[in-house]
Amino acid sequence: YFAKAFSWWSIPAAIAALVTGYLAFPRQLQVPLGRIAAIAVGAGFKREIASLAAMENFLTEWPPAMRGDCYRAAVRACDATRTGDVKLEEARRTFLAFAQKAGILWTGIDPVTALREAKIRRVRARRENQPRL
C-alpha cells in the first residue's frame, strides 16, 4: 500500500515523506469532508479527521496487527475517492464504520468524565439502598 501511494506523487514529495516519516499528500487531496469525523485516540483525547488526506494518514498509521476487513474497506474507499469512483461522503461513512468497529469512534463523551459520573451514581445508589439505623 505504501509503495502504491507514491505512484501518483512527485519524486520530491516521495523523498520528503521517506525522510520525515510523515505522509504529506498533494493539495488536491486536502479536500475537506462535509462533516468532520472525530475519533478517540486514547486517554480521553479526540482526533478530528477533516479531509481525505487526514483519513488516509490515519489509516496508514493504524497498527498492521489490527487491520481487518473494515480497515481494508476504508482504504479501498479512500483509494476509490482519490480516483473519482466514489464520492467523498461515502468514503467518510466507510471510515466511520471502520472507527465504530475498531471501537475508536468519538461519542462526544469524555471517557474520564463518564467513568467518574458512573462511580458517583453507584455510590449514591449504595447509600440509598443501605438500611438506616
Protein backbone atom coordinates (compact mmCIF):
# COMPACT_ATOMS: atom_id res chain seq x y z
CA TYR A 1 0.00 0.00 0.00
CA PHE A 2 2.79 2.43 0.91
CA ALA A 3 4.58 1.97 -2.43
CA LYS A 4 1.28 2.18 -4.30
CA ALA A 5 0.61 5.59 -2.74
CA PHE A 6 3.78 7.01 -4.26
CA SER A 7 2.73 6.24 -7.83
CA TRP A 8 0.77 9.49 -8.05
CA TRP A 9 3.25 11.68 -6.17
CA SER A 10 6.16 13.64 -7.44
CA ILE A 11 9.66 12.39 -6.62
CA PRO A 12 10.49 15.27 -4.19
CA ALA A 13 7.31 14.61 -2.20
CA ALA A 14 8.12 10.89 -2.01
CA ILE A 15 11.65 11.62 -0.78
CA ALA A 16 10.36 14.09 1.81
CA ALA A 17 7.86 11.52 3.09
CA LEU A 18 10.55 8.86 3.39
CA VAL A 19 12.95 11.20 5.18
CA THR A 20 10.43 12.66 7.63
CA GLY A 21 8.38 9.51 8.08
CA TYR A 22 5.22 11.57 7.53
CA LEU A 23 2.96 11.12 4.54
CA ALA A 24 2.25 14.52 3.03
CA PHE A 25 -0.48 14.49 0.43
CA PRO A 26 -0.81 16.70 -2.64
CA ARG A 27 -3.05 19.74 -2.31
CA GLN A 28 -5.82 18.19 -4.42
CA LEU A 29 -6.32 15.56 -1.71
CA GLN A 30 -6.71 18.18 1.01
CA VAL A 31 -10.40 18.15 0.15
CA PRO A 32 -12.41 18.95 3.27
CA LEU A 33 -15.03 16.46 4.36
CA GLY A 34 -18.60 17.70 4.50
CA ARG A 35 -18.62 16.99 8.24
CA ILE A 36 -15.62 16.32 10.43
CA ALA A 37 -15.15 12.74 11.58
CA ALA A 38 -13.92 12.52 15.17
CA ILE A 39 -12.19 9.52 16.69
CA ALA A 40 -10.87 8.75 20.17
CA VAL A 41 -7.11 8.33 20.30
CA GLY A 42 -6.74 7.34 23.94
CA ALA A 43 -6.78 8.90 27.41
CA GLY A 44 -9.88 10.90 26.53
CA PHE A 45 -8.34 12.74 23.58
CA LYS A 46 -10.11 13.34 20.30
CA ARG A 47 -8.59 13.48 16.81
CA GLU A 48 -10.55 15.24 14.12
CA ILE A 49 -10.37 13.85 10.59
CA ALA A 50 -11.27 16.75 8.32
CA SER A 51 -10.06 15.69 4.86
CA LEU A 52 -9.38 12.72 2.62
CA ALA A 53 -5.66 13.14 3.27
CA ALA A 54 -6.21 13.06 7.03
CA MET A 55 -8.27 9.88 6.63
CA GLU A 56 -5.52 8.24 4.59
CA ASN A 57 -2.85 9.38 7.07
CA PHE A 58 -4.78 7.87 9.96
CA LEU A 59 -5.32 4.59 8.12
CA THR A 60 -1.61 4.42 7.25
CA GLU A 61 -0.75 4.87 10.93
CA TRP A 62 -3.14 2.10 12.04
CA PRO A 63 -1.22 -0.89 13.51
CA PRO A 64 -0.76 -3.70 10.96
CA ALA A 65 -1.78 -6.35 13.50
CA MET A 66 -5.20 -4.69 13.86
CA ARG A 67 -6.00 -4.31 10.16
CA GLY A 68 -9.13 -6.29 9.37
CA ASP A 69 -11.90 -6.28 6.79
CA CYS A 70 -13.31 -2.90 7.87
CA TYR A 71 -9.85 -1.37 7.64
CA ARG A 72 -9.37 -2.72 4.13
CA ALA A 73 -12.82 -1.43 3.11
CA ALA A 74 -11.92 2.06 4.40
CA VAL A 75 -8.62 2.03 2.49
CA ARG A 76 -10.37 0.89 -0.70
CA ALA A 77 -12.99 3.65 -0.27
CA CYS A 78 -10.23 6.27 0.11
CA ASP A 79 -8.45 4.95 -2.98
CA ALA A 80 -11.70 4.98 -4.96
CA THR A 81 -12.42 8.53 -3.81
CA ARG A 82 -8.98 9.63 -4.96
CA THR A 83 -9.65 8.19 -8.42
CA GLY A 84 -13.16 9.66 -8.52
CA ASP A 85 -15.05 6.35 -8.44
CA VAL A 86 -16.63 7.00 -5.03
CA LYS A 87 -17.96 10.21 -3.51
CA LEU A 88 -16.17 11.68 -0.51
CA GLU A 89 -19.21 11.26 1.75
CA GLU A 90 -19.27 7.51 1.01
CA ALA A 91 -15.59 7.25 1.99
CA ARG A 92 -16.38 9.16 5.18
CA ARG A 93 -19.20 6.73 6.03
CA THR A 94 -16.91 3.77 5.40
CA PHE A 95 -14.22 5.33 7.60
CA LEU A 96 -16.78 5.91 10.38
CA ALA A 97 -17.91 2.27 10.10
CA PHE A 98 -14.26 1.22 10.48
CA ALA A 99 -13.87 3.51 13.51
CA GLN A 100 -17.01 2.12 15.12
CA LYS A 101 -15.93 -1.48 14.52
CA ALA A 102 -12.46 -0.68 15.93
CA GLY A 103 -14.06 0.95 18.98
CA ILE A 104 -12.46 4.36 18.40
CA LEU A 105 -15.45 6.37 17.22
CA TRP A 106 -15.74 9.55 19.29
CA THR A 107 -19.04 9.54 21.14
CA GLY A 108 -18.80 13.12 22.36
CA ILE A 109 -18.48 12.00 25.97
CA ASP A 110 -15.12 12.35 27.66
CA PRO A 111 -14.30 8.81 28.93
CA VAL A 112 -12.77 10.07 32.17
CA THR A 113 -15.84 12.16 32.96
CA ALA A 114 -18.17 9.29 32.06
CA LEU A 115 -16.34 6.91 34.42
CA ARG A 116 -16.38 9.50 37.22
CA GLU A 117 -20.12 10.09 36.80
CA ALA A 118 -20.80 6.33 36.78
CA LYS A 119 -18.86 5.96 40.03
CA ILE A 120 -20.85 8.79 41.64
CA ARG A 121 -24.12 7.13 40.58
CA ARG A 122 -23.00 3.78 42.05
CA VAL A 123 -22.04 5.38 45.37
CA ARG A 124 -25.37 7.23 45.58
CA ALA A 125 -27.30 4.06 44.77
CA ARG A 126 -25.46 2.17 47.52
CA ARG A 127 -26.19 4.92 50.04
CA GLU A 128 -29.88 4.94 49.14
CA ASN A 129 -30.15 1.15 49.43
CA GLN A 130 -28.43 0.88 52.82
CA PRO A 131 -30.76 0.35 55.77
CA ARG A 132 -30.98 3.34 58.08
CA LEU A 133 -30.37 2.83 61.78
